[in-house]
Amino acid sequence: MTATPSVGRIVHYTSHGTPGGEYSKECRAAVVTETHGSDASGEVVSLAVLNPGGLFFAQRCAQGDQLHGEHPPGAYGGTWHWPERV
């Protein structure tokens, strides 16, 4: 069964980092604030990302496989994925 994101669900947001390496790729907890349906890479959502220094609002994030470092084409600023089960 495939999970479908809905408003209020907790997911992980992964930033791309900067090309020069000033900021590395980071995984953070995020809350789904809006759903936008799906595209070729998966579900697209807007998120409230929970950072140690405050909130970051990411709009229209594509679903991506961050376990293997892949970023789907056309992702806006970062991607999201379901938290790993532990």
PDB file of N, CA and C in Angstrom:
ATOM      1  N   MET A   1       0.839  -1.180   0.000  1.00  0.00           N
ATOM      2  CA  MET A   1       0.000   0.000   0.000  1.00  0.00           C
ATOM      3  C   MET A   1       0.889   1.250   0.000  1.00  0.00           C
ATOM      4  N   THR A   2       0.624   2.176  -0.894  1.00  0.00           N
ATOM      5  CA  THR A   2       1.384   3.412  -0.995  1.00  0.00           C
ATOM      6  C   THR A   2       0.707   4.500  -0.169  1.00  0.00           C
ATOM      7  N   ALA A   3       1.480   5.173   0.653  1.00  0.00           N
ATOM      8  CA  ALA A   3       0.945   6.262   1.475  1.00  0.00           C
ATOM      9  C   ALA A   3       0.743   7.507   0.620  1.00  0.00           C
ATOM     10  N   THR A   4      -0.306   8.247   0.932  1.00  0.00           N
ATOM     11  CA  THR A   4      -0.589   9.505   0.252  1.00  0.00           C
ATOM     12  C   THR A   4      -0.432  10.634   1.257  1.00  0.00           C
ATOM     13  N   PRO A   5       0.355  11.672   0.918  1.00  0.00           N
ATOM     14  CA  PRO A   5       0.527  12.777   1.868  1.00  0.00           C
ATOM     15  C   PRO A   5      -0.771  13.555   2.040  1.00  0.00           C
ATOM     16  N   SER A   6      -1.000  14.030   3.244  1.00  0.00           N
ATOM     17  CA  SER A   6      -2.160  14.868   3.533  1.00  0.00           C
ATOM     18  C   SER A   6      -1.725  15.946   4.523  1.00  0.00           C
ATOM     19  N   VAL A   7      -2.509  17.013   4.602  1.00  0.00           N
ATOM     20  CA  VAL A   7      -2.182  18.138   5.475  1.00  0.00           C
ATOM     21  C   VAL A   7      -2.033  17.649   6.913  1.00  0.00           C
ATOM     22  N   GLY A   8      -0.932  18.065   7.557  1.00  0.00           N
ATOM     23  CA  GLY A   8      -0.661  17.703   8.942  1.00  0.00           C
ATOM     24  C   GLY A   8       0.266  16.510   9.105  1.00  0.00           C
ATOM     25  N   ARG A   9       0.522  15.751   8.039  1.00  0.00           N
ATOM     26  CA  ARG A   9       1.420  14.602   8.146  1.00  0.00           C
ATOM     27  C   ARG A   9       2.869  15.068   8.302  1.00  0.00           C
ATOM     28  N   ILE A  10       3.649  14.286   9.028  1.00  0.00           N
ATOM     29  CA  ILE A  10       5.072  14.574   9.208  1.00  0.00           C
ATOM     30  C   ILE A  10       5.851  13.821   8.139  1.00  0.00           C
ATOM     31  N   VAL A  11       6.746  14.534   7.448  1.00  0.00           N
ATOM     32  CA  VAL A  11       7.630  13.960   6.439  1.00  0.00           C
ATOM     33  C   VAL A  11       9.040  14.487   6.688  1.00  0.00           C
ATOM     34  N   HIS A  12       9.981  14.067   5.879  1.00  0.00           N
ATOM     35  CA  HIS A  12      11.340  14.605   5.934  1.00  0.00           C
ATOM     36  C   HIS A  12      11.577  15.468   4.704  1.00  0.00           C
ATOM     37  N   TYR A  13      12.171  16.634   4.914  1.00  0.00           N
ATOM     38  CA  TYR A  13      12.566  17.545   3.833  1.00  0.00           C
ATOM     39  C   TYR A  13      14.079  17.489   3.722  1.00  0.00           C
ATOM     40  N   THR A  14      14.602  17.362   2.513  1.00  0.00           N
ATOM     41  CA  THR A  14      16.045  17.371   2.301  1.00  0.00           C
ATOM     42  C   THR A  14      16.396  18.523   1.380  1.00  0.00           C
ATOM     43  N   SER A  15      17.213  19.446   1.888  1.00  0.00           N
ATOM     44  CA  SER A  15      17.678  20.574   1.079  1.00  0.00           C
ATOM     45  C   SER A  15      18.753  20.084   0.115  1.00  0.00           C
ATOM     46  N   HIS A  16      18.951  20.810  -0.956  1.00  0.00           N
ATOM     47  CA  HIS A  16      19.983  20.448  -1.931  1.00  0.00           C
ATOM     48  C   HIS A  16      21.378  20.846  -1.474  1.00  0.00           C
ATOM     49  N   GLY A  17      21.483  21.821  -0.575  1.00  0.00           N
ATOM     50  CA  GLY A  17      22.792  22.373  -0.237  1.00  0.00           C
ATOM     51  C   GLY A  17      23.201  23.371  -1.306  1.00  0.00           C
ATOM     52  N   THR A  18      24.366  23.963  -1.152  1.00  0.00           N
ATOM     53  CA  THR A  18      24.833  24.948  -2.123  1.00  0.00           C
ATOM     54  C   THR A  18      25.932  24.344  -2.996  1.00  0.00           C
ATOM     55  N   PRO A  19      26.019  24.780  -4.260  1.00  0.00           N
ATOM     56  CA  PRO A  19      27.015  24.216  -5.169  1.00  0.00           C
ATOM     57  C   PRO A  19      28.455  24.375  -4.663  1.00  0.00           C
ATOM     58  N   GLY A  20      28.742  25.486  -3.964  1.00  0.00           N
ATOM     59  CA  GLY A  20      30.086  25.720  -3.460  1.00  0.00           C
ATOM     60  C   GLY A  20      30.395  24.984  -2.171  1.00  0.00           C
ATOM     61  N   GLY A  21      29.405  24.325  -1.594  1.00  0.00           N
ATOM     62  CA  GLY A  21      29.615  23.557  -0.379  1.00  0.00           C
ATOM     63  C   GLY A  21      29.498  24.351   0.914  1.00  0.00           C
ATOM     64  N   GLU A  22      29.077  25.628   0.819  1.00  0.00           N
ATOM     65  CA  GLU A  22      28.916  26.433   2.033  1.00  0.00           C
ATOM     66  C   GLU A  22      27.890  25.785   2.964  1.00  0.00           C
ATOM     67  N   TYR A  23      26.835  25.232   2.375  1.00  0.00           N
ATOM     68  CA  TYR A  23      25.807  24.520   3.132  1.00  0.00           C
ATOM     69  C   TYR A  23      25.660  23.128   2.539  1.00  0.00           C
ATOM     70  N   SER A  24      25.698  22.121   3.393  1.00  0.00           N
ATOM     71  CA  SER A  24      25.572  20.745   2.901  1.00  0.00           C
ATOM     72  C   SER A  24      24.102  20.340   2.834  1.00  0.00           C
ATOM     73  N   LYS A  25      23.861  19.222   2.189  1.00  0.00           N
ATOM     74  CA  LYS A  25      22.525  18.663   2.099  1.00  0.00           C
ATOM     75  C   LYS A  25      22.091  18.247   3.500  1.00  0.00           C
ATOM     76  N   GLU A  26      20.917  18.700   3.946  1.00  0.00           N
ATOM     77  CA  GLU A  26      20.429  18.414   5.296  1.00  0.00           C
ATOM     78  C   GLU A  26      19.033  17.811   5.237  1.00  0.00           C
ATOM     79  N   CYS A  27      18.765  16.885   6.137  1.00  0.00           N
ATOM     80  CA  CYS A  27      17.438  16.289   6.266  1.00  0.00           C
ATOM     81  C   CYS A  27      16.798  16.818   7.544  1.00  0.00           C
ATOM     82  N   ARG A  28      15.577  17.337   7.433  1.00  0.00           N
ATOM     83  CA  ARG A  28      14.867  17.920   8.568  1.00  0.00           C
ATOM     84  C   ARG A  28      13.428  17.414   8.602  1.00  0.00           C
ATOM     85  N   ALA A  29      12.828  17.442   9.786  1.00  0.00           N
ATOM     86  CA  ALA A  29      11.410  17.127   9.920  1.00  0.00           C
ATOM     87  C   ALA A  29      10.596  18.258   9.300  1.00  0.00           C
ATOM     88  N   ALA A  30       9.445  17.918   8.738  1.00  0.00           N
ATOM     89  CA  ALA A  30       8.578  18.919   8.126  1.00  0.00           C
ATOM     90  C   ALA A  30       7.125  18.484   8.261  1.00  0.00           C
ATOM     91  N   VAL A  31       6.241  19.467   8.250  1.00  0.00           N
ATOM     92  CA  VAL A  31       4.808  19.219   8.306  1.00  0.00           C
ATOM     93  C   VAL A  31       4.203  19.608   6.958  1.00  0.00           C
ATOM     94  N   VAL A  32       3.376  18.733   6.389  1.00  0.00           N
ATOM     95  CA  VAL A  32       2.705  19.029   5.123  1.00  0.00           C
ATOM     96  C   VAL A  32       1.649  20.104   5.379  1.00  0.00           C
ATOM     97  N   THR A  33       1.748  21.215   4.636  1.00  0.00           N
ATOM     98  CA  THR A  33       0.791  22.313   4.796  1.00  0.00           C
ATOM     99  C   THR A  33      -0.198  22.401   3.634  1.00  0.00           C
ATOM    100  N   GLU A  34       0.147  21.769   2.503  1.00  0.00           N
ATOM    101  CA  GLU A  34      -0.720  21.809   1.329  1.00  0.00           C
ATOM    102  C   GLU A  34      -0.314  20.681   0.395  1.00  0.00           C
ATOM    103  N   THR A  35      -1.269  20.093  -0.300  1.00  0.00           N
ATOM    104  CA  THR A  35      -0.957  19.073  -1.301  1.00  0.00           C
ATOM    105  C   THR A  35      -1.288  19.626  -2.681  1.00  0.00           C
ATOM    106  N   HIS A  36      -0.502  19.188  -3.684  1.00  0.00           N
ATOM    107  CA  HIS A  36      -0.664  19.712  -5.042  1.00  0.00           C
ATOM    108  C   HIS A  36      -0.843  18.601  -6.068  1.00  0.00           C
ATOM    109  N   GLY A  37      -1.135  17.379  -5.640  1.00  0.00           N
ATOM    110  CA  GLY A  37      -1.266  16.277  -6.584  1.00  0.00           C
ATOM    111  C   GLY A  37       0.085  15.661  -6.881  1.00  0.00           C
ATOM    112  N   SER A  38       0.206  15.026  -8.026  1.00  0.00           N
ATOM    113  CA  SER A  38       1.457  14.347  -8.350  1.00  0.00           C
ATOM    114  C   SER A  38       1.979  14.797  -9.705  1.00  0.00           C
ATOM    115  N   ASP A  39       3.294  14.577  -9.896  1.00  0.00           N
ATOM    116  CA  ASP A  39       3.921  14.806 -11.188  1.00  0.00           C
ATOM    117  C   ASP A  39       4.752  13.563 -11.513  1.00  0.00           C
ATOM    118  N   ALA A  40       5.655  13.674 -12.460  1.00  0.00           N
ATOM    119  CA  ALA A  40       6.439  12.516 -12.894  1.00  0.00           C
ATOM    120  C   ALA A  40       7.308  11.928 -11.787  1.00  0.00           C
ATOM    121  N   SER A  41       7.705  12.740 -10.795  1.00  0.00           N
ATOM    122  CA  SER A  41       8.588  12.243  -9.735  1.00  0.00           C
ATOM    123  C   SER A  41       7.824  11.761  -8.508  1.00  0.00           C
ATOM    124  N   GLY A  42       6.522  12.000  -8.439  1.00  0.00           N
ATOM    125  CA  GLY A  42       5.736  11.589  -7.275  1.00  0.00           C
ATOM    126  C   GLY A  42       4.845  12.715  -6.796  1.00  0.00           C
ATOM    127  N   GLU A  43       4.468  12.646  -5.533  1.00  0.00           N
ATOM    128  CA  GLU A  43       3.572  13.645  -4.952  1.00  0.00           C
ATOM    129  C   GLU A  43       4.293  14.982  -4.738  1.00  0.00           C
ATOM    130  N   VAL A  44       3.580  16.076  -4.944  1.00  0.00           N
ATOM    131  CA  VAL A  44       4.103  17.428  -4.736  1.00  0.00           C
ATOM    132  C   VAL A  44       3.351  18.058  -3.567  1.00  0.00           C
ATOM    133  N   VAL A  45       4.095  18.594  -2.594  1.00  0.00           N
ATOM    134  CA  VAL A  45       3.492  19.177  -1.396  1.00  0.00           C
ATOM    135  C   VAL A  45       4.193  20.482  -1.032  1.00  0.00           C
ATOM    136  N   SER A  46       3.548  21.292  -0.204  1.00  0.00           N
ATOM    137  CA  SER A  46       4.176  22.450   0.430  1.00  0.00           C
ATOM    138  C   SER A  46       4.406  22.088   1.888  1.00  0.00           C
ATOM    139  N   LEU A  47       5.501  22.600   2.462  1.00  0.00           N
ATOM    140  CA  LEU A  47       5.936  22.158   3.785  1.00  0.00           C
ATOM    141  C   LEU A  47       6.312  23.314   4.697  1.00  0.00           C
ATOM    142  N   ALA A  48       6.141  23.081   5.995  1.00  0.00           N
ATOM    143  CA  ALA A  48       6.721  23.920   7.041  1.00  0.00           C
ATOM    144  C   ALA A  48       7.869  23.087   7.600  1.00  0.00           C
ATOM    145  N   VAL A  49       9.101  23.482   7.291  1.00  0.00           N
ATOM    146  CA  VAL A  49      10.282  22.718   7.676  1.00  0.00           C
ATOM    147  C   VAL A  49      10.750  23.176   9.059  1.00  0.00           C
ATOM    148  N   LEU A  50      11.005  22.226   9.938  1.00  0.00           N
ATOM    149  CA  LEU A  50      11.403  22.517  11.312  1.00  0.00           C
ATOM    150  C   LEU A  50      12.924  22.470  11.421  1.00  0.00           C
ATOM    151  N   ASN A  51      13.558  23.636  11.440  1.00  0.00           N
ATOM    152  CA  ASN A  51      15.008  23.767  11.551  1.00  0.00           C
ATOM    153  C   ASN A  51      15.384  24.168  12.974  1.00  0.00           C
ATOM    154  N   PRO A  52      16.609  23.864  13.420  1.00  0.00           N
ATOM    155  CA  PRO A  52      17.022  24.303  14.754  1.00  0.00           C
ATOM    156  C   PRO A  52      16.953  25.817  14.931  1.00  0.00           C
ATOM    157  N   GLY A  53      17.158  26.576  13.853  1.00  0.00           N
ATOM    158  CA  GLY A  53      17.147  28.036  13.936  1.00  0.00           C
ATOM    159  C   GLY A  53      15.809  28.672  13.633  1.00  0.00           C
ATOM    160  N   GLY A  54      14.785  27.880  13.339  1.00  0.00           N
ATOM    161  CA  GLY A  54      13.470  28.441  13.037  1.00  0.00           C
ATOM    162  C   GLY A  54      12.788  27.700  11.915  1.00  0.00           C
ATOM    163  N   LEU A  55      11.637  28.226  11.534  1.00  0.00           N
ATOM    164  CA  LEU A  55      10.843  27.597  10.487  1.00  0.00           C
ATOM    165  C   LEU A  55      11.278  28.067   9.106  1.00  0.00           C
ATOM    166  N   PHE A  56      11.129  27.165   8.132  1.00  0.00           N
ATOM    167  CA  PHE A  56      11.370  27.475   6.723  1.00  0.00           C
ATOM    168  C   PHE A  56      10.163  26.949   5.962  1.00  0.00           C
ATOM    169  N   PHE A  57       9.623  27.747   5.069  1.00  0.00           N
ATOM    170  CA  PHE A  57       8.445  27.330   4.305  1.00  0.00           C
ATOM    171  C   PHE A  57       8.862  27.022   2.877  1.00  0.00           C
ATOM    172  N   ALA A  58       8.674  25.763   2.487  1.00  0.00           N
ATOM    173  CA  ALA A  58       9.056  25.297   1.160  1.00  0.00           C
ATOM    174  C   ALA A  58       7.798  24.999   0.365  1.00  0.00           C
ATOM    175  N   GLN A  59       7.646  25.659  -0.773  1.00  0.00           N
ATOM    176  CA  GLN A  59       6.455  25.473  -1.588  1.00  0.00           C
ATOM    177  C   GLN A  59       6.733  24.548  -2.754  1.00  0.00           C
ATOM    178  N   ARG A  60       5.758  23.707  -3.047  1.00  0.00           N
ATOM    179  CA  ARG A  60       5.771  22.813  -4.200  1.00  0.00           C
ATOM    180  C   ARG A  60       7.029  21.951  -4.264  1.00  0.00           C
ATOM    181  N   CYS A  61       7.258  21.182  -3.227  1.00  0.00           N
ATOM    182  CA  CYS A  61       8.399  20.259  -3.169  1.00  0.00           C
ATOM    183  C   CYS A  61       8.024  18.928  -3.786  1.00  0.00           C
ATOM    184  N   ALA A  62       8.885  18.446  -4.652  1.00  0.00           N
ATOM    185  CA  ALA A  62       8.661  17.148  -5.281  1.00  0.00           C
ATOM    186  C   ALA A  62       9.140  16.033  -4.363  1.00  0.00           C
ATOM    187  N   GLN A  63       8.526  14.888  -4.502  1.00  0.00           N
ATOM    188  CA  GLN A  63       8.939  13.713  -3.742  1.00  0.00           C
ATOM    189  C   GLN A  63      10.226  13.196  -4.352  1.00  0.00           C
ATOM    190  N   GLY A  64      11.197  12.791  -3.497  1.00  0.00           N
ATOM    191  CA  GLY A  64      12.471  12.307  -3.994  1.00  0.00           C
ATOM    192  C   GLY A  64      13.036  11.219  -3.117  1.00  0.00           C
ATOM    193  N   ASP A  65      13.945  10.433  -3.682  1.00  0.00           N
ATOM    194  CA  ASP A  65      14.585   9.337  -2.970  1.00  0.00           C
ATOM    195  C   ASP A  65      15.885   9.832  -2.371  1.00  0.00           C
ATOM    196  N   GLN A  66      15.829  10.389  -1.157  1.00  0.00           N
ATOM    197  CA  GLN A  66      17.020  10.971  -0.544  1.00  0.00           C
ATOM    198  C   GLN A  66      17.962   9.926   0.041  1.00  0.00           C
ATOM    199  N   LEU A  67      17.493   8.710   0.220  1.00  0.00           N
ATOM    200  CA  LEU A  67      18.385   7.674   0.748  1.00  0.00           C
ATOM    201  C   LEU A  67      19.545   7.418  -0.202  1.00  0.00           C
ATOM    202  N   HIS A  68      19.321   7.656  -1.484  1.00  0.00           N
ATOM    203  CA  HIS A  68      20.367   7.430  -2.474  1.00  0.00           C
ATOM    204  C   HIS A  68      20.873   8.726  -3.086  1.00  0.00           C
ATOM    205  N   GLY A  69      20.486   9.864  -2.510  1.00  0.00           N
ATOM    206  CA  GLY A  69      21.008  11.154  -2.954  1.00  0.00           C
ATOM    207  C   GLY A  69      20.470  11.628  -4.286  1.00  0.00           C
ATOM    208  N   GLU A  70      19.360  11.105  -4.749  1.00  0.00           N
ATOM    209  CA  GLU A  70      18.824  11.499  -6.043  1.00  0.00           C
ATOM    210  C   GLU A  70      17.891  12.688  -5.883  1.00  0.00           C
ATOM    211  N   HIS A  71      17.953  13.608  -6.827  1.00  0.00           N
ATOM    212  CA  HIS A  71      17.054  14.752  -6.835  1.00  0.00           C
ATOM    213  C   HIS A  71      16.275  14.720  -8.134  1.00  0.00           C
ATOM    214  N   PRO A  72      14.957  14.656  -8.078  1.00  0.00           N
ATOM    215  CA  PRO A  72      14.188  14.635  -9.318  1.00  0.00           C
ATOM    216  C   PRO A  72      14.331  15.947 -10.063  1.00  0.00           C
ATOM    217  N   PRO A  73      14.296  15.900 -11.394  1.00  0.00           N
ATOM    218  CA  PRO A  73      14.403  17.139 -12.158  1.00  0.00           C
ATOM    219  C   PRO A  73      13.234  18.066 -11.848  1.00  0.00           C
ATOM    220  N   GLY A  74      13.512  19.352 -11.788  1.00  0.00           N
ATOM    221  CA  GLY A  74      12.465  20.339 -11.556  1.00  0.00           C
ATOM    222  C   GLY A  74      12.078  20.515 -10.103  1.00  0.00           C
ATOM    223  N   ALA A  75      12.821  19.927  -9.158  1.00  0.00           N
ATOM    224  CA  ALA A  75      12.485  20.087  -7.745  1.00  0.00           C
ATOM    225  C   ALA A  75      12.703  21.542  -7.336  1.00  0.00           C
ATOM    226  N   TYR A  76      11.867  22.046  -6.467  1.00  0.00           N
ATOM    227  CA  TYR A  76      11.939  23.435  -6.028  1.00  0.00           C
ATOM    228  C   TYR A  76      12.672  23.522  -4.700  1.00  0.00           C
ATOM    229  N   GLY A  77      13.977  23.767  -4.715  1.00  0.00           N
ATOM    230  CA  GLY A  77      14.721  24.027  -3.494  1.00  0.00           C
ATOM    231  C   GLY A  77      15.056  22.818  -2.656  1.00  0.00           C
ATOM    232  N   GLY A  78      14.412  21.734  -2.837  1.00  0.00           N
ATOM    233  CA  GLY A  78      14.641  20.523  -2.071  1.00  0.00           C
ATOM    234  C   GLY A  78      13.555  19.512  -2.366  1.00  0.00           C
ATOM    235  N   THR A  79      13.656  18.363  -1.755  1.00  0.00           N
ATOM    236  CA  THR A  79      12.668  17.320  -1.970  1.00  0.00           C
ATOM    237  C   THR A  79      12.194  16.789  -0.621  1.00  0.00           C
ATOM    238  N   TRP A  80      11.158  15.990  -0.632  1.00  0.00           N
ATOM    239  CA  TRP A  80      10.651  15.397   0.592  1.00  0.00           C
ATOM    240  C   TRP A  80      10.579  13.884   0.409  1.00  0.00           C
ATOM    241  N   HIS A  81      10.564  13.185   1.539  1.00  0.00           N
ATOM    242  CA  HIS A  81      10.382  11.730   1.517  1.00  0.00           C
ATOM    243  C   HIS A  81       9.743  11.296   2.827  1.00  0.00           C
ATOM    244  N   TRP A  82       9.190  10.095   2.853  1.00  0.00           N
ATOM    245  CA  TRP A  82       8.610   9.554   4.072  1.00  0.00           C
ATOM    246  C   TRP A  82       9.726   9.214   5.036  1.00  0.00           C
ATOM    247  N   PRO A  83       9.541   9.430   6.339  1.00  0.00           N
ATOM    248  CA  PRO A  83      10.573   9.058   7.318  1.00  0.00           C
ATOM    249  C   PRO A  83      10.854   7.561   7.261  1.00  0.00           C
ATOM    250  N   GLU A  84      12.114   7.229   7.467  1.00  0.00           N
ATOM    251  CA  GLU A  84      12.499   5.826   7.498  1.00  0.00           C
ATOM    252  C   GLU A  84      11.913   5.179   8.750  1.00  0.00           C
ATOM    253  N   ARG A  85      11.514   3.953   8.653  1.00  0.00           N
ATOM    254  CA  ARG A  85      10.991   3.233   9.823  1.00  0.00           C
ATOM    255  C   ARG A  85      12.160   2.723  10.645  1.00  0.00           C
ATOM    256  N   VAL A  86      12.077   2.922  11.955  1.00  0.00           N
ATOM    257  CA  VAL A  86      13.139   2.447  12.842  1.00  0.00           C
ATOM    258  C   VAL A  86      12.568   1.538  13.908  1.00  0.00           C
TER     259      VAL A  86
END
